[in-house]
PDB file of N, CA and C in Angstrom:
ATOM      1  N   MET A   1      77.226  32.465 -33.368  1.00  0.00           N
ATOM      2  CA  MET A   1      78.504  33.147 -33.514  1.00  0.00           C
ATOM      3  C   MET A   1      79.119  33.356 -32.136  1.00  0.00           C
ATOM      4  N   LYS A   2      80.428  33.415 -32.110  1.00  0.00           N
ATOM      5  CA  LYS A   2      81.184  33.703 -30.893  1.00  0.00           C
ATOM      6  C   LYS A   2      81.954  35.001 -31.117  1.00  0.00           C
ATOM      7  N   TYR A   3      81.959  35.867 -30.106  1.00  0.00           N
ATOM      8  CA  TYR A   3      82.663  37.132 -30.182  1.00  0.00           C
ATOM      9  C   TYR A   3      83.523  37.311 -28.942  1.00  0.00           C
ATOM     10  N   THR A   4      84.616  38.040 -29.074  1.00  0.00           N
ATOM     11  CA  THR A   4      85.492  38.338 -27.949  1.00  0.00           C
ATOM     12  C   THR A   4      85.208  39.748 -27.444  1.00  0.00           C
ATOM     13  N   ALA A   5      85.760  40.069 -26.282  1.00  0.00           N
ATOM     14  CA  ALA A   5      85.642  41.432 -25.751  1.00  0.00           C
ATOM     15  C   ALA A   5      86.206  42.429 -26.756  1.00  0.00           C
ATOM     16  N   GLU A   6      87.284  42.052 -27.425  1.00  0.00           N
ATOM     17  CA  GLU A   6      87.887  42.938 -28.434  1.00  0.00           C
ATOM     18  C   GLU A   6      86.901  43.212 -29.567  1.00  0.00           C
ATOM     19  N   ASP A   7      86.167  42.200 -30.016  1.00  0.00           N
ATOM     20  CA  ASP A   7      85.159  42.401 -31.067  1.00  0.00           C
ATOM     21  C   ASP A   7      84.111  43.417 -30.615  1.00  0.00           C
ATOM     22  N   ILE A   8      83.663  43.258 -29.383  1.00  0.00           N
ATOM     23  CA  ILE A   8      82.622  44.143 -28.851  1.00  0.00           C
ATOM     24  C   ILE A   8      83.157  45.562 -28.728  1.00  0.00           C
ATOM     25  N   GLU A   9      84.365  45.700 -28.201  1.00  0.00           N
ATOM     26  CA  GLU A   9      84.958  47.021 -28.017  1.00  0.00           C
ATOM     27  C   GLU A   9      85.190  47.737 -29.341  1.00  0.00           C
ATOM     28  N   LYS A  10      85.478  47.000 -30.412  1.00  0.00           N
ATOM     29  CA  LYS A  10      85.698  47.608 -31.725  1.00  0.00           C
ATOM     30  C   LYS A  10      84.401  48.099 -32.354  1.00  0.00           C
ATOM     31  N   ASN A  11      83.300  47.495 -32.015  1.00  0.00           N
ATOM     32  CA  ASN A  11      82.011  47.858 -32.615  1.00  0.00           C
ATOM     33  C   ASN A  11      81.307  48.872 -31.723  1.00  0.00           C
ATOM     34  N   ASN A  12      81.841  50.077 -31.718  1.00  0.00           N
ATOM     35  CA  ASN A  12      81.327  51.124 -30.845  1.00  0.00           C
ATOM     36  C   ASN A  12      81.120  52.440 -31.595  1.00  0.00           C
ATOM     37  N   THR A  13      80.661  52.324 -32.825  1.00  0.00           N
ATOM     38  CA  THR A  13      80.406  53.513 -33.626  1.00  0.00           C
ATOM     39  C   THR A  13      78.905  53.686 -33.836  1.00  0.00           C
ATOM     40  N   LYS A  14      78.520  54.836 -34.366  1.00  0.00           N
ATOM     41  CA  LYS A  14      77.098  55.081 -34.618  1.00  0.00           C
ATOM     42  C   LYS A  14      76.517  54.078 -35.609  1.00  0.00           C
ATOM     43  N   SER A  15      77.353  53.558 -36.475  1.00  0.00           N
ATOM     44  CA  SER A  15      76.842  52.620 -37.479  1.00  0.00           C
ATOM     45  C   SER A  15      76.818  51.170 -36.994  1.00  0.00           C
ATOM     46  N   LYS A  16      77.506  50.895 -35.895  1.00  0.00           N
ATOM     47  CA  LYS A  16      77.508  49.530 -35.351  1.00  0.00           C
ATOM     48  C   LYS A  16      77.836  49.586 -33.862  1.00  0.00           C
ATOM     49  N   LEU A  17      76.821  49.372 -33.028  1.00  0.00           N
ATOM     50  CA  LEU A  17      76.970  49.448 -31.573  1.00  0.00           C
ATOM     51  C   LEU A  17      76.674  48.094 -30.959  1.00  0.00           C
ATOM     52  N   TRP A  18      77.670  47.498 -30.324  1.00  0.00           N
ATOM     53  CA  TRP A  18      77.498  46.195 -29.689  1.00  0.00           C
ATOM     54  C   TRP A  18      77.692  46.309 -28.184  1.00  0.00           C
ATOM     55  N   ILE A  19      76.976  45.488 -27.432  1.00  0.00           N
ATOM     56  CA  ILE A  19      77.152  45.364 -25.986  1.00  0.00           C
ATOM     57  C   ILE A  19      77.047  43.889 -25.628  1.00  0.00           C
ATOM     58  N   CYS A  20      77.420  43.557 -24.398  1.00  0.00           N
ATOM     59  CA  CYS A  20      77.169  42.204 -23.924  1.00  0.00           C
ATOM     60  C   CYS A  20      76.392  42.287 -22.613  1.00  0.00           C
ATOM     61  N   ILE A  21      75.482  41.355 -22.443  1.00  0.00           N
ATOM     62  CA  ILE A  21      74.691  41.202 -21.223  1.00  0.00           C
ATOM     63  C   ILE A  21      74.654  39.709 -20.932  1.00  0.00           C
ATOM     64  N   ASP A  22      75.104  39.345 -19.757  1.00  0.00           N
ATOM     65  CA  ASP A  22      75.134  37.931 -19.369  1.00  0.00           C
ATOM     66  C   ASP A  22      75.806  37.058 -20.418  1.00  0.00           C
ATOM     67  N   SER A  23      76.930  37.520 -20.922  1.00  0.00           N
ATOM     68  CA  SER A  23      77.754  36.795 -21.904  1.00  0.00           C
ATOM     69  C   SER A  23      77.072  36.577 -23.250  1.00  0.00           C
ATOM     70  N   LYS A  24      76.019  37.320 -23.540  1.00  0.00           N
ATOM     71  CA  LYS A  24      75.401  37.309 -24.861  1.00  0.00           C
ATOM     72  C   LYS A  24      75.687  38.654 -25.507  1.00  0.00           C
ATOM     73  N   VAL A  25      75.928  38.638 -26.811  1.00  0.00           N
ATOM     74  CA  VAL A  25      76.298  39.851 -27.530  1.00  0.00           C
ATOM     75  C   VAL A  25      75.085  40.357 -28.314  1.00  0.00           C
ATOM     76  N   TYR A  26      74.858  41.686 -28.208  1.00  0.00           N
ATOM     77  CA  TYR A  26      73.713  42.314 -28.845  1.00  0.00           C
ATOM     78  C   TYR A  26      74.161  43.488 -29.702  1.00  0.00           C
ATOM     79  N   ASP A  27      73.555  43.624 -30.873  1.00  0.00           N
ATOM     80  CA  ASP A  27      73.764  44.773 -31.735  1.00  0.00           C
ATOM     81  C   ASP A  27      72.656  45.770 -31.401  1.00  0.00           C
ATOM     82  N   VAL A  28      73.006  46.834 -30.701  1.00  0.00           N
ATOM     83  CA  VAL A  28      72.023  47.826 -30.251  1.00  0.00           C
ATOM     84  C   VAL A  28      72.254  49.158 -30.953  1.00  0.00           C
ATOM     85  N   THR A  29      72.518  49.070 -32.238  1.00  0.00           N
ATOM     86  CA  THR A  29      72.811  50.257 -33.023  1.00  0.00           C
ATOM     87  C   THR A  29      71.721  51.318 -32.880  1.00  0.00           C
ATOM     88  N   SER A  30      70.497  50.909 -32.630  1.00  0.00           N
ATOM     89  CA  SER A  30      69.409  51.873 -32.525  1.00  0.00           C
ATOM     90  C   SER A  30      69.375  52.600 -31.181  1.00  0.00           C
ATOM     91  N   PHE A  31      70.293  52.282 -30.253  1.00  0.00           N
ATOM     92  CA  PHE A  31      70.335  52.939 -28.950  1.00  0.00           C
ATOM     93  C   PHE A  31      71.479  53.948 -28.884  1.00  0.00           C
ATOM     94  N   TYR A  32      71.603  54.593 -27.759  1.00  0.00           N
ATOM     95  CA  TYR A  32      72.621  55.625 -27.572  1.00  0.00           C
ATOM     96  C   TYR A  32      74.033  55.065 -27.562  1.00  0.00           C
ATOM     97  N   GLU A  33      74.975  55.953 -27.891  1.00  0.00           N
ATOM     98  CA  GLU A  33      76.388  55.581 -27.963  1.00  0.00           C
ATOM     99  C   GLU A  33      76.980  55.151 -26.629  1.00  0.00           C
ATOM    100  N   ASP A  34      76.447  55.608 -25.512  1.00  0.00           N
ATOM    101  CA  ASP A  34      77.098  55.333 -24.235  1.00  0.00           C
ATOM    102  C   ASP A  34      77.050  53.870 -23.824  1.00  0.00           C
ATOM    103  N   VAL A  35      76.321  53.034 -24.547  1.00  0.00           N
ATOM    104  CA  VAL A  35      76.312  51.612 -24.223  1.00  0.00           C
ATOM    105  C   VAL A  35      77.200  50.796 -25.153  1.00  0.00           C
ATOM    106  N   ALA A  36      77.663  51.371 -26.220  1.00  0.00           N
ATOM    107  CA  ALA A  36      78.396  50.624 -27.243  1.00  0.00           C
ATOM    108  C   ALA A  36      79.758  50.163 -26.760  1.00  0.00           C
ATOM    109  N   GLY A  37      80.106  48.958 -27.143  1.00  0.00           N
ATOM    110  CA  GLY A  37      81.417  48.404 -26.838  1.00  0.00           C
ATOM    111  C   GLY A  37      81.627  48.135 -25.364  1.00  0.00           C
ATOM    112  N   ALA A  38      80.540  47.923 -24.635  1.00  0.00           N
ATOM    113  CA  ALA A  38      80.650  47.792 -23.181  1.00  0.00           C
ATOM    114  C   ALA A  38      79.875  46.592 -22.658  1.00  0.00           C
ATOM    115  N   ASP A  39      80.129  46.278 -21.399  1.00  0.00           N
ATOM    116  CA  ASP A  39      79.377  45.248 -20.687  1.00  0.00           C
ATOM    117  C   ASP A  39      78.226  45.956 -19.977  1.00  0.00           C
ATOM    118  N   ALA A  40      76.999  45.676 -20.363  1.00  0.00           N
ATOM    119  CA  ALA A  40      75.821  46.345 -19.812  1.00  0.00           C
ATOM    120  C   ALA A  40      75.041  45.460 -18.838  1.00  0.00           C
ATOM    121  N   THR A  41      75.614  44.347 -18.424  1.00  0.00           N
ATOM    122  CA  THR A  41      74.906  43.389 -17.576  1.00  0.00           C
ATOM    123  C   THR A  41      74.366  44.025 -16.300  1.00  0.00           C
ATOM    124  N   ASP A  42      75.228  44.686 -15.532  1.00  0.00           N
ATOM    125  CA  ASP A  42      74.795  45.265 -14.253  1.00  0.00           C
ATOM    126  C   ASP A  42      73.699  46.305 -14.454  1.00  0.00           C
ATOM    127  N   ASN A  43      73.880  47.176 -15.438  1.00  0.00           N
ATOM    128  CA  ASN A  43      72.875  48.208 -15.685  1.00  0.00           C
ATOM    129  C   ASN A  43      71.550  47.605 -16.119  1.00  0.00           C
ATOM    130  N   PHE A  44      71.595  46.615 -16.955  1.00  0.00           N
ATOM    131  CA  PHE A  44      70.373  45.979 -17.426  1.00  0.00           C
ATOM    132  C   PHE A  44      69.617  45.370 -16.252  1.00  0.00           C
ATOM    133  N   ARG A  45      70.332  44.710 -15.377  1.00  0.00           N
ATOM    134  CA  ARG A  45      69.698  44.086 -14.210  1.00  0.00           C
ATOM    135  C   ARG A  45      69.178  45.137 -13.225  1.00  0.00           C
ATOM    136  N   ASP A  46      69.969  46.197 -12.981  1.00  0.00           N
ATOM    137  CA  ASP A  46      69.594  47.225 -12.013  1.00  0.00           C
ATOM    138  C   ASP A  46      68.317  47.957 -12.380  1.00  0.00           C
ATOM    139  N   ILE A  47      68.079  48.126 -13.653  1.00  0.00           N
ATOM    140  CA  ILE A  47      66.877  48.832 -14.093  1.00  0.00           C
ATOM    141  C   ILE A  47      65.631  48.003 -13.815  1.00  0.00           C
ATOM    142  N   GLY A  48      65.782  46.695 -13.786  1.00  0.00           N
ATOM    143  CA  GLY A  48      64.631  45.835 -13.519  1.00  0.00           C
ATOM    144  C   GLY A  48      63.732  45.697 -14.733  1.00  0.00           C
ATOM    145  N   HIS A  49      64.318  45.381 -15.871  1.00  0.00           N
ATOM    146  CA  HIS A  49      63.550  45.230 -17.100  1.00  0.00           C
ATOM    147  C   HIS A  49      62.460  44.167 -16.958  1.00  0.00           C
ATOM    148  N   SER A  50      61.365  44.387 -17.640  1.00  0.00           N
ATOM    149  CA  SER A  50      60.245  43.448 -17.638  1.00  0.00           C
ATOM    150  C   SER A  50      60.576  42.218 -18.478  1.00  0.00           C
ATOM    151  N   GLU A  51      59.765  41.190 -18.343  1.00  0.00           N
ATOM    152  CA  GLU A  51      59.925  40.002 -19.182  1.00  0.00           C
ATOM    153  C   GLU A  51      59.754  40.372 -20.657  1.00  0.00           C
ATOM    154  N   TYR A  52      58.860  41.320 -20.927  1.00  0.00           N
ATOM    155  CA  TYR A  52      58.646  41.781 -22.307  1.00  0.00           C
ATOM    156  C   TYR A  52      59.934  42.389 -22.868  1.00  0.00           C
ATOM    157  N   ALA A  53      60.614  43.207 -22.061  1.00  0.00           N
ATOM    158  CA  ALA A  53      61.874  43.811 -22.504  1.00  0.00           C
ATOM    159  C   ALA A  53      62.906  42.735 -22.799  1.00  0.00           C
ATOM    160  N   LYS A  54      62.926  41.697 -21.969  1.00  0.00           N
ATOM    161  CA  LYS A  54      63.867  40.599 -22.188  1.00  0.00           C
ATOM    162  C   LYS A  54      63.549  39.844 -23.476  1.00  0.00           C
ATOM    163  N   GLU A  55      62.265  39.731 -23.789  1.00  0.00           N
ATOM    164  CA  GLU A  55      61.867  39.093 -25.051  1.00  0.00           C
ATOM    165  C   GLU A  55      62.311  39.936 -26.247  1.00  0.00           C
ATOM    166  N   ILE A  56      62.164  41.249 -26.128  1.00  0.00           N
ATOM    167  CA  ILE A  56      62.557  42.159 -27.210  1.00  0.00           C
ATOM    168  C   ILE A  56      64.049  42.054 -27.486  1.00  0.00           C
ATOM    169  N   MET A  57      64.847  41.806 -26.444  1.00  0.00           N
ATOM    170  CA  MET A  57      66.292  41.687 -26.603  1.00  0.00           C
ATOM    171  C   MET A  57      66.667  40.647 -27.644  1.00  0.00           C
ATOM    172  N   GLU A  58      65.857  39.631 -27.779  1.00  0.00           N
ATOM    173  CA  GLU A  58      66.185  38.546 -28.712  1.00  0.00           C
ATOM    174  C   GLU A  58      66.366  39.046 -30.140  1.00  0.00           C
ATOM    175  N   LYS A  59      65.664  40.103 -30.540  1.00  0.00           N
ATOM    176  CA  LYS A  59      65.823  40.593 -31.916  1.00  0.00           C
ATOM    177  C   LYS A  59      67.174  41.284 -32.117  1.00  0.00           C
ATOM    178  N   TYR A  60      67.844  41.656 -31.022  1.00  0.00           N
ATOM    179  CA  TYR A  60      69.153  42.288 -31.098  1.00  0.00           C
ATOM    180  C   TYR A  60      70.299  41.298 -30.878  1.00  0.00           C
ATOM    181  N   TYR A  61      69.982  40.091 -30.464  1.00  0.00           N
ATOM    182  CA  TYR A  61      70.981  39.072 -30.154  1.00  0.00           C
ATOM    183  C   TYR A  61      71.721  38.647 -31.417  1.00  0.00           C
ATOM    184  N   ILE A  62      73.071  38.685 -31.357  1.00  0.00           N
ATOM    185  CA  ILE A  62      73.863  38.295 -32.535  1.00  0.00           C
ATOM    186  C   ILE A  62      74.856  37.183 -32.239  1.00  0.00           C
ATOM    187  N   GLY A  63      75.056  36.813 -30.974  1.00  0.00           N
ATOM    188  CA  GLY A  63      75.992  35.735 -30.664  1.00  0.00           C
ATOM    189  C   GLY A  63      76.356  35.730 -29.197  1.00  0.00           C
ATOM    190  N   ASP A  64      77.336  34.886 -28.844  1.00  0.00           N
ATOM    191  CA  ASP A  64      77.763  34.722 -27.462  1.00  0.00           C
ATOM    192  C   ASP A  64      79.167  35.270 -27.254  1.00  0.00           C
ATOM    193  N   LEU A  65      79.413  35.742 -26.048  1.00  0.00           N
ATOM    194  CA  LEU A  65      80.731  36.235 -25.669  1.00  0.00           C
ATOM    195  C   LEU A  65      81.639  35.051 -25.408  1.00  0.00           C
ATOM    196  N   GLU A  66      82.833  35.113 -25.946  1.00  0.00           N
ATOM    197  CA  GLU A  66      83.840  34.090 -25.703  1.00  0.00           C
ATOM    198  C   GLU A  66      84.958  34.739 -24.901  1.00  0.00           C
ATOM    199  N   GLY A  67      85.213  34.258 -23.714  1.00  0.00           N
ATOM    200  CA  GLY A  67      86.234  34.847 -22.863  1.00  0.00           C
ATOM    201  C   GLY A  67      85.635  35.901 -21.949  1.00  0.00           C
ATOM    202  N   PRO A  68      86.505  36.700 -21.311  1.00  0.00           N
ATOM    203  CA  PRO A  68      86.015  37.696 -20.356  1.00  0.00           C
ATOM    204  C   PRO A  68      85.277  38.834 -21.058  1.00  0.00           C
ATOM    205  N   PRO A  69      84.381  39.524 -20.324  1.00  0.00           N
ATOM    206  CA  PRO A  69      83.649  40.646 -20.918  1.00  0.00           C
ATOM    207  C   PRO A  69      84.551  41.857 -21.113  1.00  0.00           C
ATOM    208  N   PRO A  70      84.081  42.847 -21.878  1.00  0.00           N
ATOM    209  CA  PRO A  70      84.858  44.081 -22.030  1.00  0.00           C
ATOM    210  C   PRO A  70      85.108  44.716 -20.658  1.00  0.00           C
ATOM    211  N   LYS A  71      86.231  45.393 -20.523  1.00  0.00           N
ATOM    212  CA  LYS A  71      86.559  46.039 -19.259  1.00  0.00           C
ATOM    213  C   LYS A  71      85.657  47.238 -18.991  1.00  0.00           C
ATOM    214  N   ARG A  72      85.277  47.932 -20.054  1.00  0.00           N
ATOM    215  CA  ARG A  72      84.434  49.117 -19.887  1.00  0.00           C
ATOM    216  C   ARG A  72      83.028  48.693 -19.533  1.00  0.00           C
ATOM    217  N   LYS A  73      82.492  49.321 -18.504  1.00  0.00           N
ATOM    218  CA  LYS A  73      81.107  49.083 -18.091  1.00  0.00           C
ATOM    219  C   LYS A  73      80.260  50.250 -18.565  1.00  0.00           C
ATOM    220  N   VAL A  74      79.000  50.001 -18.828  1.00  0.00           N
ATOM    221  CA  VAL A  74      78.083  51.067 -19.213  1.00  0.00           C
ATOM    222  C   VAL A  74      77.889  51.978 -18.019  1.00  0.00           C
ATOM    223  N   GLU A  75      77.928  53.285 -18.279  1.00  0.00           N
ATOM    224  CA  GLU A  75      77.668  54.247 -17.215  1.00  0.00           C
ATOM    225  C   GLU A  75      76.194  54.183 -16.848  1.00  0.00           C
ATOM    226  N   ASN A  76      75.863  54.684 -15.680  1.00  0.00           N
ATOM    227  CA  ASN A  76      74.471  54.648 -15.219  1.00  0.00           C
ATOM    228  C   ASN A  76      73.545  55.352 -16.205  1.00  0.00           C
ATOM    229  N   TYR A  77      72.398  54.742 -16.456  1.00  0.00           N
ATOM    230  CA  TYR A  77      71.354  55.326 -17.282  1.00  0.00           C
ATOM    231  C   TYR A  77      70.039  54.778 -16.819  1.00  0.00           C
ATOM    232  N   THR A  78      68.990  55.424 -17.229  1.00  0.00           N
ATOM    233  CA  THR A  78      67.662  54.952 -16.856  1.00  0.00           C
ATOM    234  C   THR A  78      66.922  54.476 -18.088  1.00  0.00           C
ATOM    235  N   ALA A  79      65.863  53.734 -17.894  1.00  0.00           N
ATOM    236  CA  ALA A  79      65.069  53.242 -19.027  1.00  0.00           C
ATOM    237  C   ALA A  79      64.510  54.403 -19.836  1.00  0.00           C
ATOM    238  N   VAL A  80      64.146  55.492 -19.190  1.00  0.00           N
ATOM    239  CA  VAL A  80      63.615  56.651 -19.911  1.00  0.00           C
ATOM    240  C   VAL A  80      64.698  57.262 -20.782  1.00  0.00           C
ATOM    241  N   GLU A  81      65.923  57.392 -20.245  1.00  0.00           N
ATOM    242  CA  GLU A  81      67.011  57.939 -21.030  1.00  0.00           C
ATOM    243  C   GLU A  81      67.310  57.072 -22.247  1.00  0.00           C
ATOM    244  N   MET A  82      67.106  55.769 -22.136  1.00  0.00           N
ATOM    245  CA  MET A  82      67.379  54.853 -23.228  1.00  0.00           C
ATOM    246  C   MET A  82      66.199  54.746 -24.189  1.00  0.00           C
ATOM    247  N   GLY A  83      65.162  55.531 -23.957  1.00  0.00           N
ATOM    248  CA  GLY A  83      64.001  55.484 -24.835  1.00  0.00           C
ATOM    249  C   GLY A  83      63.073  54.327 -24.537  1.00  0.00           C
ATOM    250  N   GLN A  84      63.231  53.699 -23.383  1.00  0.00           N
ATOM    251  CA  GLN A  84      62.398  52.567 -22.995  1.00  0.00           C
ATOM    252  C   GLN A  84      61.490  52.998 -21.853  1.00  0.00           C
ATOM    253  N   ASN A  85      60.210  53.027 -22.038  1.00  0.00           N
ATOM    254  CA  ASN A  85      59.293  53.360 -20.931  1.00  0.00           C
ATOM    255  C   ASN A  85      58.039  52.554 -21.014  1.00  0.00           C
TER     256      ASN A  85
END
C-alpha cells in the first residue's frame, strides 16, 4: 500500500495511530498518542533501537510513504516512556 502525509496525519486518534519512519508507514495504535500522525524517523534513530526492535517493527508495517513526510515531527521521548525497555 502507498500512503500520503495527509493519510498519516488523519490517522492520529486513539483507535488508529499511524507514523512514518524512513518512508515506511506503521500502525502503532498500541503506543502513546504523541507519536500519531507524525514523522518519527529522527526519534527512532536517536534512541538507538536494537536490531530486535527493528524486527518487531515489521508487525506494525502497513505500507510505504508516497511523497514528502508529515510536517509534524514526534516530540522527544525515550524508550522507557514508550514502554520499550
